[in-house]
Amino acid sequence: AAPGPRSYTTLRDEAVKLFNSLQQLESERDPVPLMQGVLQTCLDLPPLVDEIYCQLVKQTTEPAAPGGQGDLHYWQLLTCMSCTFLPSPPVLRFLRFHLDRTESRFPASEMAKYACFIREALGKTKGRECVPSLEEILMLMRRQEMICTVHCPGAPACSVAISSHTTAEEVRGCLHVARELVSRLGLSQSPNLFALYEQSRRREQPVASATLLADVLTRFE
């Protein structure tokens, strides 16, 4: 299940807890829930975003085993952070320097591939309403897109590949089934538009054009 409401203490205490979580992450066999917990804390307590970025840069600088499982877990969490939060400008400059340095020192390595992915993500990230779902975290760990199923009236469901930055408007624009329906129903000149809806047992509501589809999937989780 997606993380629910939490109670927090002081920022200092929560920063210490996050540091302990990062230490645990290095040897965690299933790091996904722990990663989601760190992301949720950062979403709830924005002042800790810079702190986690700095800690992750530190952990991925001069690691004991470059490219080992523990090192890659840190890079994977850094990837999830980059698709969820933007750090402050000073930390962002520091982070970009770290990414450049990693690609220069370890070309063609997994770390360099994560560094390249993170740099591209930082250019698109604008902030999230929800932390990444467990499925999204798994896809980010592999640097892959998610597959989103869209059900269209009177037509088969469509499978659409989306990233952490894909909006409802972008998905709506690429749905070939929707375009076919418009043509078939003679609505090419109509001012009406197709809309994406999210539907669950509790509610059905249109998805705003600027909404990130990844946030919608997290709510379903």
C-alpha atoms as a PDB file:
ATOM      1  CA  ALA A   1       0.000   0.000   0.000  1.00  0.00           C
ATOM      2  CA  ALA A   2       1.096   3.587  -0.540  1.00  0.00           C
ATOM      3  CA  PRO A   3       2.470   5.351   2.534  1.00  0.00           C
ATOM      4  CA  GLY A   4      -0.211   6.783   4.795  1.00  0.00           C
ATOM      5  CA  PRO A   5      -0.176   9.809   7.113  1.00  0.00           C
ATOM      6  CA  ARG A   6       2.842   9.934   9.412  1.00  0.00           C
ATOM      7  CA  SER A   7       3.775  11.721  12.593  1.00  0.00           C
ATOM      8  CA  TYR A   8       7.156  13.417  12.746  1.00  0.00           C
ATOM      9  CA  THR A   9       9.388  14.832  15.431  1.00  0.00           C
ATOM     10  CA  THR A  10      11.972  17.592  14.890  1.00  0.00           C
ATOM     11  CA  LEU A  11      13.771  18.066  11.578  1.00  0.00           C
ATOM     12  CA  ARG A  12      17.040  17.189  13.275  1.00  0.00           C
ATOM     13  CA  ASP A  13      15.646  13.893  14.575  1.00  0.00           C
ATOM     14  CA  GLU A  14      14.105  13.043  11.211  1.00  0.00           C
ATOM     15  CA  ALA A  15      17.402  13.809   9.464  1.00  0.00           C
ATOM     16  CA  VAL A  16      19.131  11.332  11.797  1.00  0.00           C
ATOM     17  CA  LYS A  17      16.464   8.713  11.046  1.00  0.00           C
ATOM     18  CA  LEU A  18      16.950   9.234   7.318  1.00  0.00           C
ATOM     19  CA  PHE A  19      20.711   8.870   7.708  1.00  0.00           C
ATOM     20  CA  ASN A  20      20.137   5.562   9.496  1.00  0.00           C
ATOM     21  CA  SER A  21      17.802   4.481   6.686  1.00  0.00           C
ATOM     22  CA  LEU A  22      20.509   5.226   4.134  1.00  0.00           C
ATOM     23  CA  GLN A  23      22.971   3.130   6.102  1.00  0.00           C
ATOM     24  CA  GLN A  24      20.459   0.294   6.121  1.00  0.00           C
ATOM     25  CA  LEU A  25      19.814   0.726   2.391  1.00  0.00           C
ATOM     26  CA  GLU A  26      23.342  -0.390   1.542  1.00  0.00           C
ATOM     27  CA  SER A  27      22.687  -3.973   2.643  1.00  0.00           C
ATOM     28  CA  GLU A  28      18.906  -4.169   2.146  1.00  0.00           C
ATOM     29  CA  ARG A  29      17.835  -7.155   0.035  1.00  0.00           C
ATOM     30  CA  ASP A  30      14.579  -5.441  -1.022  1.00  0.00           C
ATOM     31  CA  PRO A  31      15.354  -1.722  -1.014  1.00  0.00           C
ATOM     32  CA  VAL A  32      12.123  -0.531  -2.663  1.00  0.00           C
ATOM     33  CA  PRO A  33       9.936  -0.008   0.466  1.00  0.00           C
ATOM     34  CA  LEU A  34      12.820   1.699   2.255  1.00  0.00           C
ATOM     35  CA  MET A  35      13.376   3.999  -0.723  1.00  0.00           C
ATOM     36  CA  GLN A  36       9.689   4.878  -0.814  1.00  0.00           C
ATOM     37  CA  GLY A  37       9.795   5.660   2.905  1.00  0.00           C
ATOM     38  CA  VAL A  38      12.713   8.065   2.432  1.00  0.00           C
ATOM     39  CA  LEU A  39      10.920   9.756  -0.463  1.00  0.00           C
ATOM     40  CA  GLN A  40       7.710  10.086   1.572  1.00  0.00           C
ATOM     41  CA  THR A  41       9.569  11.762   4.431  1.00  0.00           C
ATOM     42  CA  CYS A  42      11.135  14.220   1.978  1.00  0.00           C
ATOM     43  CA  LEU A  43       7.720  14.963   0.466  1.00  0.00           C
ATOM     44  CA  ASP A  44       6.233  15.608   3.902  1.00  0.00           C
ATOM     45  CA  LEU A  45       9.273  17.541   5.157  1.00  0.00           C
ATOM     46  CA  PRO A  46      10.694  19.542   2.187  1.00  0.00           C
ATOM     47  CA  PRO A  47      13.611  21.051   4.179  1.00  0.00           C
ATOM     48  CA  LEU A  48      15.130  17.541   4.246  1.00  0.00           C
ATOM     49  CA  VAL A  49      15.340  17.235   0.453  1.00  0.00           C
ATOM     50  CA  ASP A  50      18.711  19.005   0.255  1.00  0.00           C
ATOM     51  CA  GLU A  51      19.967  16.960   3.205  1.00  0.00           C
ATOM     52  CA  ILE A  52      19.217  13.662   1.463  1.00  0.00           C
ATOM     53  CA  TYR A  53      20.737  14.839  -1.813  1.00  0.00           C
ATOM     54  CA  CYS A  54      23.944  15.787   0.013  1.00  0.00           C
ATOM     55  CA  GLN A  55      24.042  12.500   1.902  1.00  0.00           C
ATOM     56  CA  LEU A  56      23.558  10.513  -1.311  1.00  0.00           C
ATOM     57  CA  VAL A  57      26.307  12.444  -3.070  1.00  0.00           C
ATOM     58  CA  LYS A  58      28.579  11.692  -0.119  1.00  0.00           C
ATOM     59  CA  GLN A  59      27.693   7.983  -0.157  1.00  0.00           C
ATOM     60  CA  THR A  60      28.363   7.701  -3.902  1.00  0.00           C
ATOM     61  CA  THR A  61      31.705   9.521  -3.724  1.00  0.00           C
ATOM     62  CA  GLU A  62      34.703   7.212  -3.237  1.00  0.00           C
ATOM     63  CA  PRO A  63      32.572   4.152  -2.326  1.00  0.00           C
ATOM     64  CA  ALA A  64      34.354   1.108  -0.942  1.00  0.00           C
ATOM     65  CA  ALA A  65      33.073  -1.011  -3.830  1.00  0.00           C
ATOM     66  CA  PRO A  66      32.234   1.148  -6.864  1.00  0.00           C
ATOM     67  CA  GLY A  67      29.384  -0.456  -8.785  1.00  0.00           C
ATOM     68  CA  GLY A  68      28.664  -2.950  -6.005  1.00  0.00           C
ATOM     69  CA  GLN A  69      25.141  -3.643  -4.773  1.00  0.00           C
ATOM     70  CA  GLY A  70      25.304  -1.121  -1.937  1.00  0.00           C
ATOM     71  CA  ASP A  71      26.703   1.595  -4.189  1.00  0.00           C
ATOM     72  CA  LEU A  72      24.028   0.973  -6.829  1.00  0.00           C
ATOM     73  CA  HIS A  73      21.268   1.139  -4.206  1.00  0.00           C
ATOM     74  CA  TYR A  74      22.409   4.683  -3.423  1.00  0.00           C
ATOM     75  CA  TRP A  75      22.458   5.569  -7.116  1.00  0.00           C
ATOM     76  CA  GLN A  76      18.974   4.101  -7.513  1.00  0.00           C
ATOM     77  CA  LEU A  77      17.598   6.202  -4.660  1.00  0.00           C
ATOM     78  CA  LEU A  78      19.344   9.242  -6.143  1.00  0.00           C
ATOM     79  CA  THR A  79      17.559   8.430  -9.414  1.00  0.00           C
ATOM     80  CA  CYS A  80      14.187   8.330  -7.626  1.00  0.00           C
ATOM     81  CA  MET A  81      14.969  11.612  -5.864  1.00  0.00           C
ATOM     82  CA  SER A  82      15.812  13.287  -9.178  1.00  0.00           C
ATOM     83  CA  CYS A  83      12.396  12.309 -10.603  1.00  0.00           C
ATOM     84  CA  THR A  84      10.550  13.590  -7.537  1.00  0.00           C
ATOM     85  CA  PHE A  85      12.277  16.668  -6.101  1.00  0.00           C
ATOM     86  CA  LEU A  86      14.501  19.494  -7.287  1.00  0.00           C
ATOM     87  CA  PRO A  87      17.239  20.494  -4.825  1.00  0.00           C
ATOM     88  CA  SER A  88      18.069  24.109  -4.097  1.00  0.00           C
ATOM     89  CA  PRO A  89      20.319  25.838  -6.699  1.00  0.00           C
ATOM     90  CA  PRO A  90      23.570  25.453  -4.679  1.00  0.00           C
ATOM     91  CA  VAL A  91      22.920  21.729  -4.089  1.00  0.00           C
ATOM     92  CA  LEU A  92      21.878  21.297  -7.711  1.00  0.00           C
ATOM     93  CA  ARG A  93      25.231  22.717  -8.884  1.00  0.00           C
ATOM     94  CA  PHE A  94      27.059  20.421  -6.468  1.00  0.00           C
ATOM     95  CA  LEU A  95      25.020  17.437  -7.683  1.00  0.00           C
ATOM     96  CA  ARG A  96      25.700  18.172 -11.357  1.00  0.00           C
ATOM     97  CA  PHE A  97      29.415  18.406 -10.643  1.00  0.00           C
ATOM     98  CA  HIS A  98      29.185  14.992  -8.941  1.00  0.00           C
ATOM     99  CA  LEU A  99      27.363  13.512 -11.953  1.00  0.00           C
ATOM    100  CA  ASP A 100      29.991  14.896 -14.376  1.00  0.00           C
ATOM    101  CA  ARG A 101      32.803  13.579 -12.213  1.00  0.00           C
ATOM    102  CA  THR A 102      31.256  10.112 -12.010  1.00  0.00           C
ATOM    103  CA  GLU A 103      30.777   9.853 -15.777  1.00  0.00           C
ATOM    104  CA  SER A 104      34.363  10.971 -16.301  1.00  0.00           C
ATOM    105  CA  ARG A 105      35.845   8.535 -13.782  1.00  0.00           C
ATOM    106  CA  PHE A 106      33.687   5.513 -14.595  1.00  0.00           C
ATOM    107  CA  PRO A 107      32.686   5.774 -18.292  1.00  0.00           C
ATOM    108  CA  ALA A 108      30.262   3.115 -19.565  1.00  0.00           C
ATOM    109  CA  SER A 109      29.680   1.884 -15.978  1.00  0.00           C
ATOM    110  CA  GLU A 110      26.276   1.471 -14.306  1.00  0.00           C
ATOM    111  CA  MET A 111      27.066   4.497 -12.161  1.00  0.00           C
ATOM    112  CA  ALA A 112      27.699   6.591 -15.286  1.00  0.00           C
ATOM    113  CA  LYS A 113      24.408   5.411 -16.788  1.00  0.00           C
ATOM    114  CA  TYR A 114      22.548   6.442 -13.644  1.00  0.00           C
ATOM    115  CA  ALA A 115      24.378   9.785 -13.653  1.00  0.00           C
ATOM    116  CA  CYS A 116      23.272  10.439 -17.245  1.00  0.00           C
ATOM    117  CA  PHE A 117      19.672   9.451 -16.441  1.00  0.00           C
ATOM    118  CA  ILE A 118      19.622  11.685 -13.356  1.00  0.00           C
ATOM    119  CA  ARG A 119      20.947  14.692 -15.286  1.00  0.00           C
ATOM    120  CA  GLU A 120      18.180  14.325 -17.871  1.00  0.00           C
ATOM    121  CA  ALA A 121      15.532  13.852 -15.177  1.00  0.00           C
ATOM    122  CA  LEU A 122      16.582  16.996 -13.323  1.00  0.00           C
ATOM    123  CA  GLY A 123      15.862  18.978 -16.480  1.00  0.00           C
ATOM    124  CA  LYS A 124      12.239  17.778 -16.440  1.00  0.00           C
ATOM    125  CA  THR A 125      11.307  17.467 -12.770  1.00  0.00           C
ATOM    126  CA  LYS A 126       8.930  20.135 -11.464  1.00  0.00           C
ATOM    127  CA  GLY A 127       7.734  18.530  -8.238  1.00  0.00           C
ATOM    128  CA  ARG A 128       5.318  15.743  -7.443  1.00  0.00           C
ATOM    129  CA  GLU A 129       2.016  15.462  -5.598  1.00  0.00           C
ATOM    130  CA  CYS A 130       2.840  11.887  -4.591  1.00  0.00           C
ATOM    131  CA  VAL A 131       6.015   9.897  -4.148  1.00  0.00           C
ATOM    132  CA  PRO A 132       6.712   7.262  -6.808  1.00  0.00           C
ATOM    133  CA  SER A 133       4.714   4.065  -6.503  1.00  0.00           C
ATOM    134  CA  LEU A 134       6.480   0.786  -5.788  1.00  0.00           C
ATOM    135  CA  GLU A 135       6.154  -0.085  -9.481  1.00  0.00           C
ATOM    136  CA  GLU A 136       7.611   3.253 -10.545  1.00  0.00           C
ATOM    137  CA  ILE A 137      10.563   2.836  -8.183  1.00  0.00           C
ATOM    138  CA  LEU A 138      11.266  -0.591  -9.689  1.00  0.00           C
ATOM    139  CA  MET A 139      11.189   0.902 -13.188  1.00  0.00           C
ATOM    140  CA  LEU A 140      13.437   3.804 -12.164  1.00  0.00           C
ATOM    141  CA  MET A 141      15.926   1.361 -10.674  1.00  0.00           C
ATOM    142  CA  ARG A 142      16.142  -0.186 -14.151  1.00  0.00           C
ATOM    143  CA  ARG A 143      15.993   3.202 -15.924  1.00  0.00           C
ATOM    144  CA  GLN A 144      12.889   2.042 -17.788  1.00  0.00           C
ATOM    145  CA  GLU A 145       9.472   3.495 -18.560  1.00  0.00           C
ATOM    146  CA  MET A 146       6.216   2.228 -17.064  1.00  0.00           C
ATOM    147  CA  ILE A 147       3.334   0.817 -19.082  1.00  0.00           C
ATOM    148  CA  CYS A 148       0.021   2.545 -18.427  1.00  0.00           C
ATOM    149  CA  THR A 149      -3.250   0.961 -19.617  1.00  0.00           C
ATOM    150  CA  VAL A 150      -5.873   3.404 -20.917  1.00  0.00           C
ATOM    151  CA  HIS A 151      -9.416   2.138 -21.551  1.00  0.00           C
ATOM    152  CA  CYS A 152     -11.222   3.871 -24.417  1.00  0.00           C
ATOM    153  CA  PRO A 153     -15.012   3.793 -24.996  1.00  0.00           C
ATOM    154  CA  GLY A 154     -15.992   1.423 -27.765  1.00  0.00           C
ATOM    155  CA  ALA A 155     -12.400   0.427 -28.447  1.00  0.00           C
ATOM    156  CA  PRO A 156      -9.731  -1.883 -27.066  1.00  0.00           C
ATOM    157  CA  ALA A 157      -7.562  -0.719 -24.200  1.00  0.00           C
ATOM    158  CA  CYS A 158      -4.295   0.993 -25.111  1.00  0.00           C
ATOM    159  CA  SER A 159      -0.932   0.372 -23.513  1.00  0.00           C
ATOM    160  CA  VAL A 160       1.084   3.583 -23.301  1.00  0.00           C
ATOM    161  CA  ALA A 161       4.688   3.894 -22.125  1.00  0.00           C
ATOM    162  CA  ILE A 162       5.087   6.748 -19.645  1.00  0.00           C
ATOM    163  CA  SER A 163       7.926   8.220 -17.607  1.00  0.00           C
ATOM    164  CA  SER A 164       7.873  10.001 -14.254  1.00  0.00           C
ATOM    165  CA  HIS A 165       7.340  13.264 -16.170  1.00  0.00           C
ATOM    166  CA  THR A 166       4.530  12.289 -18.586  1.00  0.00           C
ATOM    167  CA  THR A 167       1.404  14.436 -18.249  1.00  0.00           C
ATOM    168  CA  ALA A 168      -2.196  13.510 -18.982  1.00  0.00           C
ATOM    169  CA  GLU A 169      -2.167  15.924 -21.926  1.00  0.00           C
ATOM    170  CA  GLU A 170       0.821  14.153 -23.483  1.00  0.00           C
ATOM    171  CA  VAL A 171      -0.836  10.744 -23.127  1.00  0.00           C
ATOM    172  CA  ARG A 172      -4.111  12.028 -24.529  1.00  0.00           C
ATOM    173  CA  GLY A 173      -2.293  13.464 -27.534  1.00  0.00           C
ATOM    174  CA  CYS A 174      -0.586  10.178 -28.378  1.00  0.00           C
ATOM    175  CA  LEU A 175      -3.619   7.894 -28.079  1.00  0.00           C
ATOM    176  CA  HIS A 176      -4.211   6.620 -31.611  1.00  0.00           C
ATOM    177  CA  VAL A 177      -7.517   5.048 -30.541  1.00  0.00           C
ATOM    178  CA  ALA A 178      -8.850   8.437 -29.449  1.00  0.00           C
ATOM    179  CA  ARG A 179      -7.902   9.943 -32.796  1.00  0.00           C
ATOM    180  CA  GLU A 180      -9.631   7.089 -34.603  1.00  0.00           C
ATOM    181  CA  LEU A 181     -12.788   7.599 -32.532  1.00  0.00           C
ATOM    182  CA  VAL A 182     -12.825  11.305 -33.330  1.00  0.00           C
ATOM    183  CA  SER A 183     -12.617  10.517 -37.029  1.00  0.00           C
ATOM    184  CA  ARG A 184     -15.169   7.682 -36.880  1.00  0.00           C
ATOM    185  CA  LEU A 185     -17.743   9.784 -35.008  1.00  0.00           C
ATOM    186  CA  GLY A 186     -17.276  12.795 -37.264  1.00  0.00           C
ATOM    187  CA  LEU A 187     -16.039  14.986 -34.445  1.00  0.00           C
ATOM    188  CA  SER A 188     -12.991  16.390 -36.213  1.00  0.00           C
ATOM    189  CA  GLN A 189     -14.470  19.907 -36.191  1.00  0.00           C
ATOM    190  CA  SER A 190     -16.114  19.570 -32.786  1.00  0.00           C
ATOM    191  CA  PRO A 191     -14.923  21.781 -29.906  1.00  0.00           C
ATOM    192  CA  ASN A 192     -15.333  18.786 -27.574  1.00  0.00           C
ATOM    193  CA  LEU A 193     -12.206  16.921 -26.516  1.00  0.00           C
ATOM    194  CA  PHE A 194     -11.450  13.524 -25.090  1.00  0.00           C
ATOM    195  CA  ALA A 195     -10.420  13.545 -21.449  1.00  0.00           C
ATOM    196  CA  LEU A 196      -8.598  11.025 -19.306  1.00  0.00           C
ATOM    197  CA  TYR A 197     -10.453   9.812 -16.219  1.00  0.00           C
ATOM    198  CA  GLU A 198      -9.166   7.996 -13.192  1.00  0.00           C
ATOM    199  CA  GLN A 199     -11.686   5.543 -11.840  1.00  0.00           C
ATOM    200  CA  SER A 200     -11.657   3.536  -8.632  1.00  0.00           C
ATOM    201  CA  ARG A 201     -14.279   2.002  -6.377  1.00  0.00           C
ATOM    202  CA  ARG A 202     -14.522   5.276  -4.495  1.00  0.00           C
ATOM    203  CA  ARG A 203     -14.523   7.875  -7.243  1.00  0.00           C
ATOM    204  CA  GLU A 204     -14.354   8.765 -10.888  1.00  0.00           C
ATOM    205  CA  GLN A 205     -12.915  12.099 -11.924  1.00  0.00           C
ATOM    206  CA  PRO A 206     -11.214  13.723 -14.923  1.00  0.00           C
ATOM    207  CA  VAL A 207      -7.452  14.009 -14.854  1.00  0.00           C
ATOM    208  CA  ALA A 208      -6.243  17.581 -15.358  1.00  0.00           C
ATOM    209  CA  SER A 209      -4.022  18.078 -18.408  1.00  0.00           C
ATOM    210  CA  ALA A 210      -0.936  19.012 -16.377  1.00  0.00           C
ATOM    211  CA  THR A 211      -1.312  16.090 -13.956  1.00  0.00           C
ATOM    212  CA  LEU A 212       1.550  13.610 -13.944  1.00  0.00           C
ATOM    213  CA  LEU A 213       0.288  10.134 -14.770  1.00  0.00           C
ATOM    214  CA  ALA A 214       2.814   8.675 -12.329  1.00  0.00           C
ATOM    215  CA  ASP A 215       1.016  10.489  -9.485  1.00  0.00           C
ATOM    216  CA  VAL A 216      -2.297   8.979 -10.595  1.00  0.00           C
ATOM    217  CA  LEU A 217      -0.767   5.489 -10.557  1.00  0.00           C
ATOM    218  CA  THR A 218       0.564   6.074  -7.036  1.00  0.00           C
ATOM    219  CA  ARG A 219      -2.928   6.956  -5.851  1.00  0.00           C
ATOM    220  CA  PHE A 220      -4.194   3.671  -7.314  1.00  0.00           C
ATOM    221  CA  GLU A 221      -1.470   1.785  -5.469  1.00  0.00           C
END
